[in-house]
PDB file of N, CA and C in Angstrom:
ATOM      1  N   MET A   1       0.972  -1.235   0.102  1.00  0.00           N
ATOM      2  CA  MET A   1      -0.087  -0.018  -0.235  1.00  0.00           C
ATOM      3  C   MET A   1       0.945   1.027  -0.365  1.00  0.00           C
ATOM      4  N   GLY A   2       0.649   2.470  -0.382  1.00  0.00           N
ATOM      5  CA  GLY A   2       1.281   3.351  -0.917  1.00  0.00           C
ATOM      6  C   GLY A   2       0.999   4.208   0.731  1.00  0.00           C
ATOM      7  N   PRO A   3       1.911   5.208   0.255  1.00  0.00           N
ATOM      8  CA  PRO A   3       2.130   6.661   1.777  1.00  0.00           C
ATOM      9  C   PRO A   3       0.800   6.984   2.090  1.00  0.00           C
ATOM     10  N   LEU A   4       0.295   7.235   0.944  1.00  0.00           N
ATOM     11  CA  LEU A   4      -1.482   7.801   1.260  1.00  0.00           C
ATOM     12  C   LEU A   4      -2.561   6.826   1.624  1.00  0.00           C
ATOM     13  N   GLY A   5      -2.030   5.744   1.589  1.00  0.00           N
ATOM     14  CA  GLY A   5      -2.826   4.638   2.234  1.00  0.00           C
ATOM     15  C   GLY A   5      -3.676   4.259   1.272  1.00  0.00           C
ATOM     16  N   ALA A   6      -3.715   4.254  -0.057  1.00  0.00           N
ATOM     17  CA  ALA A   6      -4.205   3.423  -1.052  1.00  0.00           C
ATOM     18  C   ALA A   6      -3.144   3.667  -2.587  1.00  0.00           C
ATOM     19  N   GLY A   7      -3.536   2.331  -3.313  1.00  0.00           N
ATOM     20  CA  GLY A   7      -2.939   2.629  -4.318  1.00  0.00           C
ATOM     21  C   GLY A   7      -1.700   1.844  -4.166  1.00  0.00           C
ATOM     22  N   ARG A   8      -0.906   1.757  -5.028  1.00  0.00           N
ATOM     23  CA  ARG A   8       0.472   0.446  -5.066  1.00  0.00           C
ATOM     24  C   ARG A   8       1.468   1.748  -5.449  1.00  0.00           C
ATOM     25  N   PRO A   9       2.508   2.055  -5.005  1.00  0.00           N
ATOM     26  CA  PRO A   9       3.486   3.120  -4.949  1.00  0.00           C
ATOM     27  C   PRO A   9       4.210   2.703  -6.399  1.00  0.00           C
ATOM     28  N   ASP A  10       3.928   1.501  -7.149  1.00  0.00           N
ATOM     29  CA  ASP A  10       4.496   1.077  -8.704  1.00  0.00           C
ATOM     30  C   ASP A  10       3.945   1.499  -9.491  1.00  0.00           C
ATOM     31  N   ASP A  11       2.299   1.910  -9.452  1.00  0.00           N
ATOM     32  CA  ASP A  11       1.787   2.140 -10.385  1.00  0.00           C
ATOM     33  C   ASP A  11       1.585   3.548 -10.909  1.00  0.00           C
ATOM     34  N   PRO A  12       1.894   3.755 -12.173  1.00  0.00           N
ATOM     35  CA  PRO A  12       2.318   5.183 -12.826  1.00  0.00           C
ATOM     36  C   PRO A  12       1.139   6.192 -12.343  1.00  0.00           C
ATOM     37  N   PRO A  13       0.082   5.997 -11.980  1.00  0.00           N
ATOM     38  CA  PRO A  13      -1.240   6.982 -12.081  1.00  0.00           C
ATOM     39  C   PRO A  13      -0.702   7.376 -10.334  1.00  0.00           C
ATOM     40  N   PHE A  14      -0.796   6.240  -9.711  1.00  0.00           N
ATOM     41  CA  PHE A  14      -0.607   6.680  -7.892  1.00  0.00           C
ATOM     42  C   PHE A  14       0.726   7.377  -8.324  1.00  0.00           C
ATOM     43  N   ARG A  15       2.066   6.960  -8.735  1.00  0.00           N
ATOM     44  CA  ARG A  15       3.239   7.807  -8.375  1.00  0.00           C
ATOM     45  C   ARG A  15       2.800   9.247  -9.117  1.00  0.00           C
ATOM     46  N   GLU A  16       2.246   9.740 -10.233  1.00  0.00           N
ATOM     47  CA  GLU A  16       2.484  10.863 -10.831  1.00  0.00           C
ATOM     48  C   GLU A  16       1.459  11.741  -9.710  1.00  0.00           C
ATOM     49  N   VAL A  17       0.182  11.417  -9.027  1.00  0.00           N
ATOM     50  CA  VAL A  17      -0.652  11.824  -8.114  1.00  0.00           C
ATOM     51  C   VAL A  17       0.040  12.149  -7.086  1.00  0.00           C
ATOM     52  N   TYR A  18       0.863  11.292  -6.738  1.00  0.00           N
ATOM     53  CA  TYR A  18       1.577  11.723  -5.251  1.00  0.00           C
ATOM     54  C   TYR A  18       2.743  12.430  -5.318  1.00  0.00           C
ATOM     55  N   GLU A  19       3.718  12.322  -6.707  1.00  0.00           N
ATOM     56  CA  GLU A  19       4.666  13.007  -6.709  1.00  0.00           C
ATOM     57  C   GLU A  19       3.973  14.855  -6.543  1.00  0.00           C
ATOM     58  N   THR A  20       3.011  15.189  -7.417  1.00  0.00           N
ATOM     59  CA  THR A  20       2.123  16.316  -7.604  1.00  0.00           C
ATOM     60  C   THR A  20       1.805  16.635  -6.245  1.00  0.00           C
ATOM     61  N   LEU A  21       1.176  16.017  -5.290  1.00  0.00           N
ATOM     62  CA  LEU A  21       0.712  16.540  -4.075  1.00  0.00           C
ATOM     63  C   LEU A  21       2.015  16.678  -3.126  1.00  0.00           C
ATOM     64  N   TYR A  22       3.150  15.665  -3.441  1.00  0.00           N
ATOM     65  CA  TYR A  22       4.439  16.012  -2.915  1.00  0.00           C
ATOM     66  C   TYR A  22       4.688  17.691  -2.863  1.00  0.00           C
ATOM     67  N   ARG A  23       4.985  17.976  -4.043  1.00  0.00           N
ATOM     68  CA  ARG A  23       5.492  19.210  -4.800  1.00  0.00           C
ATOM     69  C   ARG A  23       4.558  20.423  -4.054  1.00  0.00           C
ATOM     70  N   LEU A  24       3.110  20.129  -4.165  1.00  0.00           N
ATOM     71  CA  LEU A  24       2.341  21.336  -3.329  1.00  0.00           C
ATOM     72  C   LEU A  24       2.144  22.200  -2.931  1.00  0.00           C
ATOM     73  N   PRO A  25       2.285  21.672  -1.728  1.00  0.00           N
ATOM     74  CA  PRO A  25       2.402  22.771  -0.637  1.00  0.00           C
ATOM     75  C   PRO A  25       3.329  23.637  -0.309  1.00  0.00           C
ATOM     76  N   ASP A  26       2.943  24.734  -0.009  1.00  0.00           N
ATOM     77  CA  ASP A  26       3.269  26.421   0.372  1.00  0.00           C
ATOM     78  C   ASP A  26       4.184  26.027   1.808  1.00  0.00           C
ATOM     79  N   HIS A  27       5.396  25.521   2.141  1.00  0.00           N
ATOM     80  CA  HIS A  27       6.167  25.481   2.928  1.00  0.00           C
ATOM     81  C   HIS A  27       6.039  26.240   4.246  1.00  0.00           C
ATOM     82  N   ALA A  28       6.060  27.552   3.386  1.00  0.00           N
ATOM     83  CA  ALA A  28       6.078  28.998   4.783  1.00  0.00           C
ATOM     84  C   ALA A  28       4.675  29.071   5.418  1.00  0.00           C
ATOM     85  N   HIS A  29       3.770  28.751   4.821  1.00  0.00           N
ATOM     86  CA  HIS A  29       2.250  28.453   5.262  1.00  0.00           C
ATOM     87  C   HIS A  29       2.124  27.081   5.931  1.00  0.00           C
ATOM     88  N   VAL A  30       2.627  26.043   5.319  1.00  0.00           N
ATOM     89  CA  VAL A  30       2.857  24.665   6.417  1.00  0.00           C
ATOM     90  C   VAL A  30       3.350  25.212   7.798  1.00  0.00           C
ATOM     91  N   GLU A  31       4.668  25.731   7.907  1.00  0.00           N
ATOM     92  CA  GLU A  31       5.449  25.688   8.439  1.00  0.00           C
ATOM     93  C   GLU A  31       4.849  26.774   9.540  1.00  0.00           C
ATOM     94  N   LYS A  32       3.702  27.919   9.157  1.00  0.00           N
ATOM     95  CA  LYS A  32       3.156  28.777  10.000  1.00  0.00           C
ATOM     96  C   LYS A  32       1.858  28.325  10.904  1.00  0.00           C
ATOM     97  N   VAL A  33       1.253  27.169  10.235  1.00  0.00           N
ATOM     98  CA  VAL A  33       0.532  26.252  10.479  1.00  0.00           C
ATOM     99  C   VAL A  33       0.570  25.472  11.790  1.00  0.00           C
ATOM    100  N   CYS A  34       1.929  25.187  11.125  1.00  0.00           N
ATOM    101  CA  CYS A  34       2.245  23.824  12.363  1.00  0.00           C
ATOM    102  C   CYS A  34       2.948  24.972  13.576  1.00  0.00           C
ATOM    103  N   LYS A  35       3.561  25.791  13.799  1.00  0.00           N
ATOM    104  CA  LYS A  35       3.708  26.478  14.751  1.00  0.00           C
ATOM    105  C   LYS A  35       2.296  27.070  15.759  1.00  0.00           C
ATOM    106  N   SER A  36       1.474  26.664  14.840  1.00  0.00           N
ATOM    107  CA  SER A  36      -0.088  27.518  15.408  1.00  0.00           C
ATOM    108  C   SER A  36      -0.580  26.103  16.211  1.00  0.00           C
ATOM    109  N   LEU A  37      -0.369  25.306  16.105  1.00  0.00           N
ATOM    110  CA  LEU A  37      -1.263  23.626  16.647  1.00  0.00           C
ATOM    111  C   LEU A  37      -1.008  23.873  17.721  1.00  0.00           C
ATOM    112  N   THR A  38      -2.105  23.474  18.761  1.00  0.00           N
ATOM    113  CA  THR A  38      -2.217  23.245  20.410  1.00  0.00           C
ATOM    114  C   THR A  38      -2.805  21.639  20.589  1.00  0.00           C
ATOM    115  N   ALA A  39      -2.219  21.750  21.854  1.00  0.00           N
ATOM    116  CA  ALA A  39      -2.683  19.649  22.000  1.00  0.00           C
ATOM    117  C   ALA A  39      -3.917  19.820  22.479  1.00  0.00           C
ATOM    118  N   ALA A  40      -4.780  21.561  22.275  1.00  0.00           N
ATOM    119  CA  ALA A  40      -6.320  21.353  22.250  1.00  0.00           C
ATOM    120  C   ALA A  40      -7.159  20.947  20.737  1.00  0.00           C
ATOM    121  N   ASN A  41      -5.383  21.075  20.096  1.00  0.00           N
ATOM    122  CA  ASN A  41      -6.213  20.513  18.617  1.00  0.00           C
ATOM    123  C   ASN A  41      -6.109  19.169  17.897  1.00  0.00           C
ATOM    124  N   PHE A  42      -4.962  18.793  18.464  1.00  0.00           N
ATOM    125  CA  PHE A  42      -4.025  17.743  17.674  1.00  0.00           C
ATOM    126  C   PHE A  42      -3.243  16.820  19.184  1.00  0.00           C
ATOM    127  N   PRO A  43      -3.770  15.576  18.681  1.00  0.00           N
ATOM    128  CA  PRO A  43      -3.009  14.339  19.805  1.00  0.00           C
ATOM    129  C   PRO A  43      -1.201  15.003  19.675  1.00  0.00           C
ATOM    130  N   PRO A  44      -0.742  14.101  20.670  1.00  0.00           N
ATOM    131  CA  PRO A  44       0.983  14.530  20.265  1.00  0.00           C
ATOM    132  C   PRO A  44       1.569  14.033  19.398  1.00  0.00           C
ATOM    133  N   ALA A  45       1.600  13.122  18.750  1.00  0.00           N
ATOM    134  CA  ALA A  45       2.019  11.955  17.866  1.00  0.00           C
ATOM    135  C   ALA A  45       1.981  13.639  16.412  1.00  0.00           C
ATOM    136  N   ILE A  46       0.491  14.015  16.466  1.00  0.00           N
ATOM    137  CA  ILE A  46       0.885  14.832  14.967  1.00  0.00           C
ATOM    138  C   ILE A  46       1.549  16.500  15.679  1.00  0.00           C
ATOM    139  N   LEU A  47       1.339  16.646  16.595  1.00  0.00           N
ATOM    140  CA  LEU A  47       2.204  17.601  16.939  1.00  0.00           C
ATOM    141  C   LEU A  47       3.469  17.641  17.110  1.00  0.00           C
ATOM    142  N   ASN A  48       4.025  16.630  17.813  1.00  0.00           N
ATOM    143  CA  ASN A  48       5.431  16.044  17.186  1.00  0.00           C
ATOM    144  C   ASN A  48       5.693  16.703  16.168  1.00  0.00           C
ATOM    145  N   PHE A  49       5.114  15.846  15.215  1.00  0.00           N
ATOM    146  CA  PHE A  49       5.278  15.902  13.654  1.00  0.00           C
ATOM    147  C   PHE A  49       5.359  16.865  13.186  1.00  0.00           C
ATOM    148  N   ALA A  50       4.174  18.097  13.521  1.00  0.00           N
ATOM    149  CA  ALA A  50       4.400  19.646  13.293  1.00  0.00           C
ATOM    150  C   ALA A  50       5.542  20.099  13.482  1.00  0.00           C
ATOM    151  N   ARG A  51       5.838  19.920  15.294  1.00  0.00           N
ATOM    152  CA  ARG A  51       7.161  20.563  15.684  1.00  0.00           C
ATOM    153  C   ARG A  51       8.834  20.421  14.883  1.00  0.00           C
ATOM    154  N   GLN A  52       8.547  19.007  14.559  1.00  0.00           N
ATOM    155  CA  GLN A  52       9.602  18.719  13.573  1.00  0.00           C
ATOM    156  C   GLN A  52       9.730  19.119  12.157  1.00  0.00           C
ATOM    157  N   PHE A  53       8.661  19.499  11.556  1.00  0.00           N
ATOM    158  CA  PHE A  53       8.418  19.673  10.492  1.00  0.00           C
ATOM    159  C   PHE A  53       9.279  21.119  10.105  1.00  0.00           C
ATOM    160  N   VAL A  54       8.729  21.677  11.438  1.00  0.00           N
ATOM    161  CA  VAL A  54       9.416  22.945  11.186  1.00  0.00           C
ATOM    162  C   VAL A  54      11.195  22.826  11.456  1.00  0.00           C
ATOM    163  N   ILE A  55      11.390  22.265  12.515  1.00  0.00           N
ATOM    164  CA  ILE A  55      12.602  22.001  12.379  1.00  0.00           C
ATOM    165  C   ILE A  55      13.296  21.870  11.276  1.00  0.00           C
ATOM    166  N   PHE A  56      12.483  20.483  10.600  1.00  0.00           N
ATOM    167  CA  PHE A  56      13.909  20.382   9.838  1.00  0.00           C
ATOM    168  C   PHE A  56      13.227  21.032   8.579  1.00  0.00           C
ATOM    169  N   LYS A  57      12.178  21.307   8.288  1.00  0.00           N
ATOM    170  CA  LYS A  57      12.095  22.740   7.447  1.00  0.00           C
ATOM    171  C   LYS A  57      13.035  23.895   7.343  1.00  0.00           C
ATOM    172  N   ASN A  58      13.469  23.912   8.187  1.00  0.00           N
ATOM    173  CA  ASN A  58      14.356  25.349   8.288  1.00  0.00           C
ATOM    174  C   ASN A  58      15.877  24.581   8.283  1.00  0.00           C
ATOM    175  N   LYS A  59      15.998  23.494   8.698  1.00  0.00           N
ATOM    176  CA  LYS A  59      17.602  22.914   8.418  1.00  0.00           C
ATOM    177  C   LYS A  59      17.709  22.212   6.982  1.00  0.00           C
ATOM    178  N   ARG A  60      16.710  22.294   6.016  1.00  0.00           N
ATOM    179  CA  ARG A  60      16.315  22.037   4.573  1.00  0.00           C
ATOM    180  C   ARG A  60      17.213  23.366   4.390  1.00  0.00           C
ATOM    181  N   GLN A  61      16.349  24.372   4.623  1.00  0.00           N
ATOM    182  CA  GLN A  61      16.748  25.679   3.721  1.00  0.00           C
ATOM    183  C   GLN A  61      18.358  25.955   3.703  1.00  0.00           C
ATOM    184  N   MET A  62      18.747  25.457   5.168  1.00  0.00           N
ATOM    185  CA  MET A  62      20.158  26.205   5.622  1.00  0.00           C
ATOM    186  C   MET A  62      20.984  25.441   4.611  1.00  0.00           C
ATOM    187  N   ALA A  63      20.692  24.041   4.443  1.00  0.00           N
ATOM    188  CA  ALA A  63      21.478  23.654   3.477  1.00  0.00           C
ATOM    189  C   ALA A  63      21.062  23.433   2.166  1.00  0.00           C
ATOM    190  N   ASP A  64      20.136  24.509   1.767  1.00  0.00           N
ATOM    191  CA  ASP A  64      19.881  24.640   0.110  1.00  0.00           C
ATOM    192  C   ASP A  64      20.393  25.822   0.114  1.00  0.00           C
ATOM    193  N   TYR A  65      20.567  26.742   0.663  1.00  0.00           N
ATOM    194  CA  TYR A  65      20.149  28.076   0.484  1.00  0.00           C
ATOM    195  C   TYR A  65      21.759  28.765   0.983  1.00  0.00           C
ATOM    196  N   HIS A  66      22.187  28.322   2.067  1.00  0.00           N
ATOM    197  CA  HIS A  66      23.509  28.528   2.510  1.00  0.00           C
ATOM    198  C   HIS A  66      24.607  27.689   2.149  1.00  0.00           C
ATOM    199  N   PRO A  67      25.609  28.301   0.806  1.00  0.00           N
ATOM    200  CA  PRO A  67      26.980  26.991   0.427  1.00  0.00           C
ATOM    201  C   PRO A  67      27.883  27.106   1.487  1.00  0.00           C
ATOM    202  N   LEU A  68      28.099  27.993   2.340  1.00  0.00           N
ATOM    203  CA  LEU A  68      29.233  27.252   3.365  1.00  0.00           C
ATOM    204  C   LEU A  68      28.596  26.672   4.851  1.00  0.00           C
ATOM    205  N   ALA A  69      27.540  26.429   4.371  1.00  0.00           N
ATOM    206  CA  ALA A  69      26.669  25.650   5.895  1.00  0.00           C
ATOM    207  C   ALA A  69      27.317  24.330   6.496  1.00  0.00           C
ATOM    208  N   ARG A  70      27.917  23.740   7.559  1.00  0.00           N
ATOM    209  CA  ARG A  70      28.305  22.915   7.548  1.00  0.00           C
ATOM    210  C   ARG A  70      27.768  21.692   8.382  1.00  0.00           C
ATOM    211  N   PHE A  71      27.398  20.758   8.533  1.00  0.00           N
ATOM    212  CA  PHE A  71      26.586  19.753   8.991  1.00  0.00           C
ATOM    213  C   PHE A  71      27.860  18.712   9.781  1.00  0.00           C
ATOM    214  N   ASN A  72      27.698  18.534  10.923  1.00  0.00           N
ATOM    215  CA  ASN A  72      28.339  17.376  11.288  1.00  0.00           C
ATOM    216  C   ASN A  72      26.994  15.896  11.570  1.00  0.00           C
ATOM    217  N   ARG A  73      28.220  14.998  10.962  1.00  0.00           N
ATOM    218  CA  ARG A  73      27.915  13.738  10.508  1.00  0.00           C
ATOM    219  C   ARG A  73      26.838  13.050  11.434  1.00  0.00           C
ATOM    220  N   SER A  74      27.276  13.170  12.831  1.00  0.00           N
ATOM    221  CA  SER A  74      26.663  12.937  13.792  1.00  0.00           C
ATOM    222  C   SER A  74      24.973  13.213  13.879  1.00  0.00           C
ATOM    223  N   THR A  75      25.406  14.593  13.604  1.00  0.00           N
ATOM    224  CA  THR A  75      23.850  15.289  13.929  1.00  0.00           C
ATOM    225  C   THR A  75      23.517  15.054  12.911  1.00  0.00           C
ATOM    226  N   VAL A  76      23.662  14.754  11.779  1.00  0.00           N
ATOM    227  CA  VAL A  76      22.795  14.368  10.929  1.00  0.00           C
ATOM    228  C   VAL A  76      22.521  12.909  10.977  1.00  0.00           C
ATOM    229  N   ALA A  77      23.007  11.981  11.525  1.00  0.00           N
ATOM    230  CA  ALA A  77      22.539  10.566  11.695  1.00  0.00           C
ATOM    231  C   ALA A  77      21.580  10.673  12.858  1.00  0.00           C
ATOM    232  N   THR A  78      21.407  11.620  13.415  1.00  0.00           N
ATOM    233  CA  THR A  78      20.704  11.721  14.660  1.00  0.00           C
ATOM    234  C   THR A  78      19.244  11.794  14.106  1.00  0.00           C
ATOM    235  N   ASP A  79      19.234  13.256  13.458  1.00  0.00           N
ATOM    236  CA  ASP A  79      18.560  13.497  12.959  1.00  0.00           C
ATOM    237  C   ASP A  79      17.834  12.741  11.822  1.00  0.00           C
ATOM    238  N   VAL A  80      18.241  11.578  11.124  1.00  0.00           N
ATOM    239  CA  VAL A  80      17.469  10.550   9.894  1.00  0.00           C
ATOM    240  C   VAL A  80      16.932  10.146  11.110  1.00  0.00           C
ATOM    241  N   GLU A  81      17.463   9.485  12.095  1.00  0.00           N
ATOM    242  CA  GLU A  81      16.760   8.554  13.370  1.00  0.00           C
ATOM    243  C   GLU A  81      15.230   9.266  13.813  1.00  0.00           C
ATOM    244  N   THR A  82      15.433  10.660  13.956  1.00  0.00           N
ATOM    245  CA  THR A  82      14.388  11.811  14.658  1.00  0.00           C
ATOM    246  C   THR A  82      13.736  11.359  13.771  1.00  0.00           C
ATOM    247  N   VAL A  83      13.339  12.128  12.397  1.00  0.00           N
ATOM    248  CA  VAL A  83      12.602  11.838  11.381  1.00  0.00           C
ATOM    249  C   VAL A  83      11.945  10.627  10.916  1.00  0.00           C
ATOM    250  N   ASP A  84      12.872   9.663  11.263  1.00  0.00           N
ATOM    251  CA  ASP A  84      12.420   7.771  10.871  1.00  0.00           C
ATOM    252  C   ASP A  84      11.366   7.874  12.273  1.00  0.00           C
ATOM    253  N   ALA A  85      11.774   8.086  13.397  1.00  0.00           N
ATOM    254  CA  ALA A  85      10.610   7.884  14.214  1.00  0.00           C
ATOM    255  C   ALA A  85       9.307   8.888  14.613  1.00  0.00           C
ATOM    256  N   VAL A  86       9.663   9.860  13.986  1.00  0.00           N
ATOM    257  CA  VAL A  86       8.682  10.884  14.264  1.00  0.00           C
ATOM    258  C   VAL A  86       7.900  10.536  12.916  1.00  0.00           C
ATOM    259  N   ARG A  87       7.872   9.958  11.424  1.00  0.00           N
ATOM    260  CA  ARG A  87       7.448   9.511  10.777  1.00  0.00           C
ATOM    261  C   ARG A  87       6.391   8.443  10.935  1.00  0.00           C
ATOM    262  N   ARG A  88       7.266   7.414  11.800  1.00  0.00           N
ATOM    263  CA  ARG A  88       6.504   5.890  12.447  1.00  0.00           C
ATOM    264  C   ARG A  88       5.389   6.442  13.188  1.00  0.00           C
ATOM    265  N   ALA A  89       5.531   7.163  13.966  1.00  0.00           N
ATOM    266  CA  ALA A  89       4.440   7.778  14.955  1.00  0.00           C
ATOM    267  C   ALA A  89       3.688   8.759  14.335  1.00  0.00           C
ATOM    268  N   PHE A  90       3.837   9.149  13.606  1.00  0.00           N
ATOM    269  CA  PHE A  90       2.768  10.033  12.709  1.00  0.00           C
ATOM    270  C   PHE A  90       2.147   8.796  11.947  1.00  0.00           C
ATOM    271  N   ALA A  91       2.290   7.978  10.860  1.00  0.00           N
ATOM    272  CA  ALA A  91       2.047   6.622  10.740  1.00  0.00           C
ATOM    273  C   ALA A  91       1.149   6.405  11.335  1.00  0.00           C
ATOM    274  N   ALA A  92       1.194   6.042  13.004  1.00  0.00           N
ATOM    275  CA  ALA A  92       0.243   4.869  13.583  1.00  0.00           C
ATOM    276  C   ALA A  92      -0.462   5.739  14.127  1.00  0.00           C
ATOM    277  N   ALA A  93      -0.520   7.010  14.083  1.00  0.00           N
ATOM    278  CA  ALA A  93      -1.736   7.853  14.846  1.00  0.00           C
ATOM    279  C   ALA A  93      -2.942   7.591  14.119  1.00  0.00           C
ATOM    280  N   ASP A  94      -4.103   7.758  14.806  1.00  0.00           N
ATOM    281  CA  ASP A  94      -5.540   7.785  14.094  1.00  0.00           C
ATOM    282  C   ASP A  94      -5.647   8.321  12.498  1.00  0.00           C
ATOM    283  N   PRO A  95      -5.733   7.810  11.788  1.00  0.00           N
ATOM    284  CA  PRO A  95      -6.446   8.210   9.995  1.00  0.00           C
ATOM    285  C   PRO A  95      -6.705   9.314   9.972  1.00  0.00           C
ATOM    286  N   VAL A  96      -7.695   9.665  11.027  1.00  0.00           N
ATOM    287  CA  VAL A  96      -8.522  10.665  10.861  1.00  0.00           C
ATOM    288  C   VAL A  96      -7.981  12.031  11.619  1.00  0.00           C
ATOM    289  N   GLU A  97      -7.377  12.022  11.856  1.00  0.00           N
ATOM    290  CA  GLU A  97      -6.473  13.165  12.594  1.00  0.00           C
ATOM    291  C   GLU A  97      -4.963  13.626  11.709  1.00  0.00           C
ATOM    292  N   ARG A  98      -4.928  12.185  11.333  1.00  0.00           N
ATOM    293  CA  ARG A  98      -3.514  12.691  10.010  1.00  0.00           C
ATOM    294  C   ARG A  98      -4.255  13.580   8.838  1.00  0.00           C
ATOM    295  N   THR A  99      -5.903  12.714   8.801  1.00  0.00           N
ATOM    296  CA  THR A  99      -6.529  13.507   7.791  1.00  0.00           C
ATOM    297  C   THR A  99      -6.521  15.142   7.840  1.00  0.00           C
ATOM    298  N   ARG A 100      -6.834  15.146   9.168  1.00  0.00           N
ATOM    299  CA  ARG A 100      -7.706  16.784   9.667  1.00  0.00           C
ATOM    300  C   ARG A 100      -6.162  17.363   9.525  1.00  0.00           C
ATOM    301  N   PHE A 101      -5.030  17.005  10.006  1.00  0.00           N
ATOM    302  CA  PHE A 101      -3.868  17.793   9.775  1.00  0.00           C
ATOM    303  C   PHE A 101      -3.482  18.152   8.581  1.00  0.00           C
ATOM    304  N   ALA A 102      -3.476  17.027   7.594  1.00  0.00           N
ATOM    305  CA  ALA A 102      -2.934  17.413   6.101  1.00  0.00           C
ATOM    306  C   ALA A 102      -4.448  18.228   5.882  1.00  0.00           C
ATOM    307  N   PHE A 103      -5.412  18.303   5.839  1.00  0.00           N
ATOM    308  CA  PHE A 103      -6.783  19.605   5.770  1.00  0.00           C
ATOM    309  C   PHE A 103      -5.956  20.590   6.265  1.00  0.00           C
ATOM    310  N   ARG A 104      -5.826  20.970   7.347  1.00  0.00           N
ATOM    311  CA  ARG A 104      -5.459  21.900   7.816  1.00  0.00           C
ATOM    312  C   ARG A 104      -4.373  22.452   7.090  1.00  0.00           C
ATOM    313  N   VAL A 105      -3.296  21.972   6.944  1.00  0.00           N
ATOM    314  CA  VAL A 105      -2.127  22.555   6.751  1.00  0.00           C
ATOM    315  C   VAL A 105      -1.682  23.025   5.224  1.00  0.00           C
ATOM    316  N   SER A 106      -3.246  22.231   4.871  1.00  0.00           N
ATOM    317  CA  SER A 106      -3.217  22.420   3.285  1.00  0.00           C
ATOM    318  C   SER A 106      -4.224  23.521   2.638  1.00  0.00           C
ATOM    319  N   VAL A 107      -5.381  23.973   3.598  1.00  0.00           N
ATOM    320  CA  VAL A 107      -5.755  24.983   3.275  1.00  0.00           C
ATOM    321  C   VAL A 107      -5.910  26.416   3.980  1.00  0.00           C
ATOM    322  N   ARG A 108      -5.532  26.939   3.284  1.00  0.00           N
ATOM    323  CA  ARG A 108      -5.745  28.772   3.702  1.00  0.00           C
ATOM    324  C   ARG A 108      -6.649  28.938   3.898  1.00  0.00           C
ATOM    325  N   GLU A 109      -6.900  29.992   5.121  1.00  0.00           N
ATOM    326  CA  GLU A 109      -8.368  30.212   5.944  1.00  0.00           C
ATOM    327  C   GLU A 109      -8.573  31.605   4.768  1.00  0.00           C
ATOM    328  N   ARG A 110      -9.755  31.585   4.190  1.00  0.00           N
ATOM    329  CA  ARG A 110     -10.255  32.886   3.786  1.00  0.00           C
ATOM    330  C   ARG A 110     -10.091  34.172   5.336  1.00  0.00           C
ATOM    331  N   ARG A 111     -10.022  35.586   4.763  1.00  0.00           N
ATOM    332  CA  ARG A 111      -9.866  36.482   5.634  1.00  0.00           C
ATOM    333  C   ARG A 111     -11.364  36.575   5.754  1.00  0.00           C
ATOM    334  N   ARG A 112     -12.030  37.213   6.865  1.00  0.00           N
ATOM    335  CA  ARG A 112     -13.588  37.912   7.002  1.00  0.00           C
ATOM    336  C   ARG A 112     -13.284  39.119   6.770  1.00  0.00           C
ATOM    337  N   ASP A 113     -13.824  39.598   5.859  1.00  0.00           N
ATOM    338  CA  ASP A 113     -14.549  41.179   6.115  1.00  0.00           C
ATOM    339  C   ASP A 113     -15.188  41.638   7.063  1.00  0.00           C
TER     340      ASP A 113
END
């Protein structure tokens, strides 16, 4: 089963949809929403995923946009372990909560006049 919960990752239509959705988010918006989430809104596994998203988004930006930035191998190895643990906890969370989270970070709220 694929990462979206349906379809096979080796199926071309599934891959096309998954790759499109993967590139779709406005990461600045997602970061802002992740920072605004509270325990009243989501369970711990989702909140931890949101916190780690912010941390790793900023690390990725540092790696992408600061050509002289240096990263210790041990720190990177720890980061990989952290991402894997957070990803597994997120995957084990209630599917309804994962869907709510995905919807929340994907949709911009309209301003009310």
